[in-house]
Every structure is written in C-alpha cells, then in structure tokens.
C-alpha cells in the first residue's frame, strides 16, 4: 500500500487543514444527491490557498446516464455527475488541489 491519498481520504485531510476556528464556521464541503439521479459536490475555497487558482473545467457527457462536470467558479469547486461519479468528482478535486498545495 502506498502513502498516496485518494478521493475521500484526500478530501478529509484537505478539509481538516482548512479548519482554523473560523473557516469551518462559514465555509465547508457539501455533498448532495440530484434527482437525475446524480451527485453534486460544492467545496468552498475562499480563505484557502486554492481561492484564486484557475482550474481547467472538466466536462464529459457520454450519455444521459454517463456524465461529469467539474469547475471552479465564485471561489468554489463545483461538480456534478451521474450516480456513479462521486469518486471521480473527489478524484478530480484531489488532482487539481494536490497540484497547488501539499496536504499532510
């Protein structure tokens, strides 16, 4: 087993690293379901090292049941995907965020 973090473990560590007694009271991470069915993930970036970092949008729509969209706008990572894409969304955040900052 490697020491690399993937998906949920990365997000947990990233979130913990942002918690400073203030940020977590007004900012955070939201994971919701969509009626399509699918997932929506919103990660607040304001007040973090990622708040002004550009992310190339990711949009893939293979079919009405196979799609994912991830982007950064208004200081938030915003992503939606079909019901099988939660892990892919978290990996997209990890890939982008880990380029910018180290999460211990």
Protein backbone atom coordinates (compact mmCIF):
# COMPACT_ATOMS: atom_id res chain seq x y z
CA UNK A 1 0.00 0.00 0.00
CA UNK A 2 1.32 3.43 -0.91
CA UNK A 3 1.17 6.57 1.18
CA UNK A 4 -0.84 8.37 -1.52
CA UNK A 5 -4.29 9.58 -0.57
CA UNK A 6 -7.23 9.16 -2.89
CA UNK A 7 -10.68 10.66 -3.08
CA UNK A 8 -12.40 10.79 0.27
CA UNK A 9 -9.24 10.45 2.38
CA UNK A 10 -7.69 13.39 0.50
CA UNK A 11 -10.83 15.50 0.96
CA UNK A 12 -10.95 14.71 4.70
CA UNK A 13 -7.34 15.79 5.15
CA UNK A 14 -7.80 18.90 2.99
CA UNK A 15 -10.87 19.91 5.00
CA UNK A 16 -9.08 19.38 8.32
CA UNK A 17 -6.16 21.51 7.08
CA UNK A 18 -8.55 24.42 6.36
CA UNK A 19 -10.18 24.34 9.79
CA UNK A 20 -8.74 27.22 11.76
CA UNK A 21 -11.51 28.07 14.21
CA UNK A 22 -13.19 30.43 11.73
CA UNK A 23 -13.26 28.97 8.20
CA UNK A 24 -15.27 25.89 9.15
CA UNK A 25 -18.00 28.03 10.75
CA UNK A 26 -18.92 29.76 7.49
CA UNK A 27 -17.35 27.61 4.77
CA UNK A 28 -17.17 23.90 4.10
CA UNK A 29 -17.94 20.95 1.88
CA UNK A 30 -21.38 19.87 0.68
CA UNK A 31 -22.20 16.54 -0.96
CA UNK A 32 -25.75 16.24 -2.22
CA UNK A 33 -27.79 13.95 -4.43
CA UNK A 34 -29.57 15.07 -7.60
CA UNK A 35 -32.87 13.80 -8.90
CA UNK A 36 -31.34 12.93 -12.28
CA UNK A 37 -30.01 10.69 -10.38
CA UNK A 38 -26.57 12.00 -9.64
CA UNK A 39 -24.23 13.83 -7.28
CA UNK A 40 -23.43 17.49 -6.62
CA UNK A 41 -20.30 18.45 -4.67
CA UNK A 42 -19.53 22.01 -3.58
CA UNK A 43 -16.25 22.85 -1.84
CA UNK A 44 -15.71 26.39 -0.56
CA UNK A 45 -12.28 27.71 -1.50
CA UNK A 46 -12.45 31.22 -0.06
CA UNK A 47 -9.84 31.65 2.65
CA UNK A 48 -7.79 28.68 1.40
CA UNK A 49 -4.65 28.53 -0.75
CA UNK A 50 -6.92 27.46 -3.64
CA UNK A 51 -9.22 30.50 -3.62
CA UNK A 52 -7.68 32.24 -6.65
CA UNK A 53 -6.26 29.26 -8.55
CA UNK A 54 -7.61 28.55 -12.03
CA UNK A 55 -8.95 25.10 -12.83
CA UNK A 56 -9.47 23.91 -16.38
CA UNK A 57 -13.15 22.88 -16.46
CA UNK A 58 -13.85 19.18 -16.92
CA UNK A 59 -16.99 18.33 -18.90
CA UNK A 60 -17.64 14.85 -20.25
CA UNK A 61 -21.08 13.72 -21.41
CA UNK A 62 -21.07 10.28 -22.96
CA UNK A 63 -24.81 9.74 -22.49
CA UNK A 64 -27.67 10.93 -20.27
CA UNK A 65 -26.56 8.28 -17.73
CA UNK A 66 -22.78 8.84 -18.05
CA UNK A 67 -21.59 12.39 -17.39
CA UNK A 68 -19.43 14.56 -15.15
CA UNK A 69 -18.78 18.30 -14.91
CA UNK A 70 -16.25 19.96 -12.59
CA UNK A 71 -15.27 23.62 -12.48
CA UNK A 72 -14.15 26.38 -10.15
CA UNK A 73 -16.31 29.50 -10.02
CA UNK A 74 -17.09 32.14 -7.41
CA UNK A 75 -14.38 30.69 -5.16
CA UNK A 76 -15.97 27.25 -5.10
CA UNK A 77 -15.14 23.90 -6.62
CA UNK A 78 -18.49 22.85 -8.10
CA UNK A 79 -19.07 19.43 -9.57
CA UNK A 80 -21.96 17.30 -10.72
CA UNK A 81 -22.03 13.82 -12.14
CA UNK A 82 -24.19 10.80 -12.71
CA UNK A 83 -24.89 8.37 -9.88
CA UNK A 84 -21.59 6.52 -10.46
CA UNK A 85 -19.35 9.63 -10.43
CA UNK A 86 -18.94 10.61 -6.77
CA UNK A 87 -15.49 9.02 -6.57
CA UNK A 88 -14.49 10.57 -9.92
CA UNK A 89 -15.58 14.01 -8.64
CA UNK A 90 -13.48 13.62 -5.49
CA UNK A 91 -10.51 12.45 -7.56
CA UNK A 92 -10.89 15.48 -9.87
CA UNK A 93 -10.73 17.76 -6.82
CA UNK A 94 -7.72 15.87 -5.48
CA UNK A 95 -5.86 16.02 -8.79
CA UNK A 96 -6.39 19.77 -9.10
CA UNK A 97 -5.82 20.67 -5.44
CA UNK A 98 -2.73 18.49 -4.99
CA UNK A 99 -1.02 20.32 -7.85
CA UNK A 100 -1.36 23.53 -5.89
CA UNK A 101 -0.75 22.57 -2.29
CA UNK A 102 0.53 19.73 -0.19
CA UNK A 103 -1.99 18.16 2.16
CA UNK A 104 -0.40 16.32 5.03
